[in-house]
């Protein structure tokens, strides 16, 4: 007779990203690089659900431009009335019937999985049950334990450099964190120009900007 362990539940996350497509791409890429919660026949599955509606908006696109590709409240393209609307939260449904795994094995694997997820993507809420024939446990985001694992992106400290109260608080409660280090997800995002939101490489292609041209050419020359 085989021994089975079961994992079922939901996790609410908020990935980085300037557009809905970028958020989903980053979330999917992170999920593909997480440790496996395994069974001898099949592993734990993760299903991604985008929450309905939007919770943030901007009057320009991700390049900082007002264009006729933005949509108004009716869903029609409009330069004058259009907005870039984004839903920042996704629900992850985790589901696994894991054969030939004991409770302790699955619990350790899941904790490794969710801790790695929480470092890369902001975890807002957790309600997951792990059980076998003899015991069970409910995993929650108590005291924001998983939310506090999130590694802030490298620009977070820069944007708050004038907020000395915030920086002192961060240093007091998280002395182990180097806030200038990039979050794992940053390598998935294109780099902005210094003086606008336009992508650095596209700026080099279409505009004359002495500072931007210098940085791009230095980067290109490193590969020679």
Protein backbone atom coordinates (compact mmCIF):
# COMPACT_ATOMS: atom_id res chain seq x y z
CA UNK A 1 0.00 0.00 0.00
CA UNK A 2 1.35 3.42 -0.96
CA UNK A 3 1.60 6.34 1.45
CA UNK A 4 0.10 9.62 0.28
CA UNK A 5 0.48 13.23 1.38
CA UNK A 6 -1.85 15.99 0.22
CA UNK A 7 -1.31 19.72 -0.32
CA UNK A 8 -4.27 22.02 -1.00
CA UNK A 9 -4.73 25.77 -0.62
CA UNK A 10 -4.33 29.29 -1.91
CA UNK A 11 -1.65 32.00 -1.80
CA UNK A 12 -2.20 35.65 -2.75
CA UNK A 13 0.85 37.30 -4.33
CA UNK A 14 1.78 40.65 -5.91
CA UNK A 15 4.54 40.34 -8.54
CA UNK A 16 6.59 43.23 -9.86
CA UNK A 17 5.74 44.63 -13.27
CA UNK A 18 4.71 47.81 -15.05
CA UNK A 19 2.02 46.16 -17.18
CA UNK A 20 -0.29 43.18 -16.74
CA UNK A 21 1.71 41.21 -19.29
CA UNK A 22 5.00 41.95 -17.50
CA UNK A 23 3.55 40.95 -14.12
CA UNK A 24 2.30 37.64 -15.48
CA UNK A 25 5.60 36.94 -17.26
CA UNK A 26 7.57 37.59 -14.07
CA UNK A 27 5.22 35.48 -11.95
CA UNK A 28 5.30 32.56 -14.40
CA UNK A 29 9.10 32.73 -14.64
CA UNK A 30 9.51 32.73 -10.86
CA UNK A 31 7.19 29.72 -10.51
CA UNK A 32 9.21 27.82 -13.12
CA UNK A 33 12.40 28.30 -11.06
CA UNK A 34 11.11 27.26 -7.62
CA UNK A 35 12.05 24.01 -5.85
CA UNK A 36 9.82 21.02 -6.56
CA UNK A 37 7.25 19.70 -4.08
CA UNK A 38 7.45 16.15 -5.32
CA UNK A 39 5.63 12.84 -5.42
CA UNK A 40 6.71 9.57 -7.01
CA UNK A 41 4.00 9.84 -9.69
CA UNK A 42 3.41 13.58 -10.04
CA UNK A 43 4.47 16.78 -8.32
CA UNK A 44 2.45 19.59 -6.74
CA UNK A 45 0.60 21.69 -9.31
CA UNK A 46 0.26 25.47 -9.16
CA UNK A 47 -2.61 27.25 -10.93
CA UNK A 48 -2.51 31.03 -11.45
CA UNK A 49 -5.68 33.15 -11.22
CA UNK A 50 -5.60 36.90 -11.85
CA UNK A 51 -7.97 38.76 -9.54
CA UNK A 52 -10.91 40.43 -11.24
CA UNK A 53 -10.78 44.14 -11.98
CA UNK A 54 -7.86 46.52 -11.51
CA UNK A 55 -6.34 48.19 -8.46
CA UNK A 56 -3.95 50.73 -10.01
CA UNK A 57 -3.91 53.00 -13.04
CA UNK A 58 -1.69 55.49 -14.84
CA UNK A 59 -2.43 58.09 -17.51
CA UNK A 60 0.63 57.02 -19.54
CA UNK A 61 2.01 53.71 -20.74
CA UNK A 62 5.02 51.83 -19.33
CA UNK A 63 7.31 54.01 -21.45
CA UNK A 64 5.93 57.17 -19.82
CA UNK A 65 4.10 58.13 -23.03
CA UNK A 66 0.50 59.18 -23.62
CA UNK A 67 -0.66 57.14 -26.61
CA UNK A 68 -3.87 56.10 -28.35
CA UNK A 69 -3.27 52.51 -27.18
CA UNK A 70 -4.50 53.40 -23.68
CA UNK A 71 -8.13 52.51 -22.98
CA UNK A 72 -10.96 54.46 -21.37
CA UNK A 73 -13.55 53.12 -18.91
CA UNK A 74 -15.54 51.62 -21.80
CA UNK A 75 -12.54 49.69 -23.09
CA UNK A 76 -12.09 51.89 -26.15
CA UNK A 77 -8.69 53.23 -27.17
CA UNK A 78 -8.38 56.93 -26.41
CA UNK A 79 -5.42 59.28 -26.20
CA UNK A 80 -7.38 61.84 -24.15
CA UNK A 81 -9.33 59.56 -21.81
CA UNK A 82 -7.20 56.42 -21.83
CA UNK A 83 -5.49 54.86 -18.81
CA UNK A 84 -3.08 51.99 -18.23
CA UNK A 85 -4.96 49.85 -15.72
CA UNK A 86 -3.35 46.97 -13.86
CA UNK A 87 -4.40 44.31 -11.36
CA UNK A 88 -1.48 43.69 -9.02
CA UNK A 89 -2.74 40.60 -7.15
CA UNK A 90 -2.88 36.99 -8.27
CA UNK A 91 -4.21 33.92 -6.49
CA UNK A 92 -2.03 30.82 -6.62
CA UNK A 93 -3.94 27.57 -6.13
CA UNK A 94 -1.61 24.79 -4.96
CA UNK A 95 -2.81 21.22 -5.35
CA UNK A 96 -0.94 17.99 -4.89
CA UNK A 97 -1.69 14.33 -4.20
CA UNK A 98 1.84 13.14 -3.57
CA UNK A 99 2.50 9.42 -3.60
CA UNK A 100 5.24 7.79 -1.50
CA UNK A 101 5.80 10.93 0.56
CA UNK A 102 5.50 11.27 4.33
CA UNK A 103 4.16 14.37 6.04
CA UNK A 104 7.55 15.66 7.18
CA UNK A 105 9.04 15.36 3.69
CA UNK A 106 6.23 17.29 2.03
CA UNK A 107 6.14 19.91 4.79
CA UNK A 108 9.86 20.64 4.40
CA UNK A 109 9.63 20.75 0.61
CA UNK A 110 6.65 23.09 0.70
CA UNK A 111 8.31 25.43 3.19
CA UNK A 112 11.37 25.60 0.94
CA UNK A 113 9.09 26.31 -2.03
CA UNK A 114 7.07 29.07 -0.38
CA UNK A 115 10.08 30.74 1.28
CA UNK A 116 11.83 30.96 -2.09
CA UNK A 117 8.63 32.36 -3.61
CA UNK A 118 8.27 34.94 -0.81
CA UNK A 119 11.80 36.25 -1.29
CA UNK A 120 11.18 36.95 -4.97
CA UNK A 121 7.51 37.97 -5.02
CA UNK A 122 5.48 39.72 -2.33
CA UNK A 123 3.23 37.21 -0.53
CA UNK A 124 0.07 38.80 0.89
CA UNK A 125 -1.98 35.88 2.23
CA UNK A 126 -1.54 32.13 2.73
CA UNK A 127 -4.04 29.38 3.53
CA UNK A 128 -2.62 25.95 2.71
CA UNK A 129 -3.32 22.55 4.29
CA UNK A 130 -0.78 19.73 4.30
CA UNK A 131 -1.98 16.34 5.53
CA UNK A 132 -1.46 12.60 5.40
CA UNK A 133 -3.33 9.73 7.06
CA UNK A 134 -2.06 10.56 10.53
CA UNK A 135 -1.60 14.33 10.84
CA UNK A 136 -2.33 17.68 9.24
CA UNK A 137 -1.42 21.34 9.55
CA UNK A 138 -2.66 24.67 8.23
CA UNK A 139 -0.01 27.10 6.96
CA UNK A 140 -0.88 30.80 7.22
CA UNK A 141 0.94 34.10 6.82
CA UNK A 142 0.92 34.72 10.57
CA UNK A 143 2.49 38.04 11.58
CA UNK A 144 3.27 38.54 7.88
CA UNK A 145 6.06 35.97 8.25
CA UNK A 146 6.20 35.32 4.51
CA UNK A 147 5.56 38.93 3.52
CA UNK A 148 8.58 40.02 5.55
CA UNK A 149 10.82 37.70 3.55
CA UNK A 150 10.40 39.74 0.38
CA UNK A 151 13.67 41.20 -0.86
CA UNK A 152 13.08 44.81 -1.87
CA UNK A 153 14.31 45.77 -5.34
CA UNK A 154 17.52 47.77 -5.64
CA UNK A 155 15.63 50.97 -6.48
CA UNK A 156 13.61 50.84 -3.23
CA UNK A 157 16.37 52.34 -1.09
CA UNK A 158 17.19 54.93 -3.76
CA UNK A 159 13.59 56.12 -4.01
CA UNK A 160 13.42 56.53 -0.23
CA UNK A 161 16.88 58.03 0.35
CA UNK A 162 15.33 61.24 1.73
CA UNK A 163 13.06 59.35 4.12
CA UNK A 164 15.58 58.91 6.92
CA UNK A 165 12.94 57.67 9.38
CA UNK A 166 12.05 54.81 7.07
CA UNK A 167 15.69 53.94 6.44
CA UNK A 168 16.47 53.91 10.18
CA UNK A 169 13.52 51.58 10.73
CA UNK A 170 14.67 49.27 7.96
CA UNK A 171 18.21 49.16 9.34
CA UNK A 172 16.94 48.47 12.86
CA UNK A 173 14.63 45.57 12.03
CA UNK A 174 16.47 44.16 9.02
CA UNK A 175 20.20 44.72 9.61
CA UNK A 176 20.97 41.55 7.65
CA UNK A 177 19.52 42.93 4.40
CA UNK A 178 21.68 44.77 1.90
CA UNK A 179 19.14 47.09 0.33
CA UNK A 180 21.31 47.90 -2.65
CA UNK A 181 21.27 44.31 -3.88
CA UNK A 182 18.76 43.54 -6.65
CA UNK A 183 15.72 41.37 -6.20
CA UNK A 184 15.83 38.11 -8.17
CA UNK A 185 13.09 39.38 -10.50
CA UNK A 186 14.95 42.51 -11.59
CA UNK A 187 16.89 40.65 -14.27
CA UNK A 188 13.53 40.04 -16.00
CA UNK A 189 12.76 43.76 -16.29
CA UNK A 190 14.23 46.11 -18.88
CA UNK A 191 16.31 49.00 -17.59
CA UNK A 192 15.01 52.56 -17.84
CA UNK A 193 16.88 55.56 -19.17
CA UNK A 194 18.17 57.93 -16.50
CA UNK A 195 15.92 60.87 -17.39
CA UNK A 196 12.70 59.11 -18.45
CA UNK A 197 10.83 55.79 -18.35
CA UNK A 198 11.85 54.76 -21.86
CA UNK A 199 13.84 51.49 -22.10
CA UNK A 200 17.57 52.17 -22.18
CA UNK A 201 18.26 50.11 -25.31
CA UNK A 202 15.31 51.57 -27.23
CA UNK A 203 16.45 55.03 -26.20
CA UNK A 204 19.83 54.28 -27.70
CA UNK A 205 18.15 53.12 -30.90
CA UNK A 206 15.77 56.05 -31.38
CA UNK A 207 17.09 59.09 -29.47
CA UNK A 208 20.27 61.05 -29.07
CA UNK A 209 21.08 61.15 -25.38
CA UNK A 210 24.75 61.53 -24.55
CA UNK A 211 24.59 59.90 -21.11
CA UNK A 212 22.40 57.01 -22.25
CA UNK A 213 24.48 56.44 -25.38
CA UNK A 214 27.64 56.27 -23.28
CA UNK A 215 26.20 53.69 -20.89
CA UNK A 216 24.85 51.48 -23.66
CA UNK A 217 28.08 51.62 -25.66
CA UNK A 218 30.10 50.73 -22.55
CA UNK A 219 27.85 47.73 -22.04
CA UNK A 220 28.14 46.71 -25.71
CA UNK A 221 31.92 47.06 -25.66
CA UNK A 222 32.20 44.77 -22.64
CA UNK A 223 30.98 41.93 -24.82
CA UNK A 224 33.68 42.40 -27.43
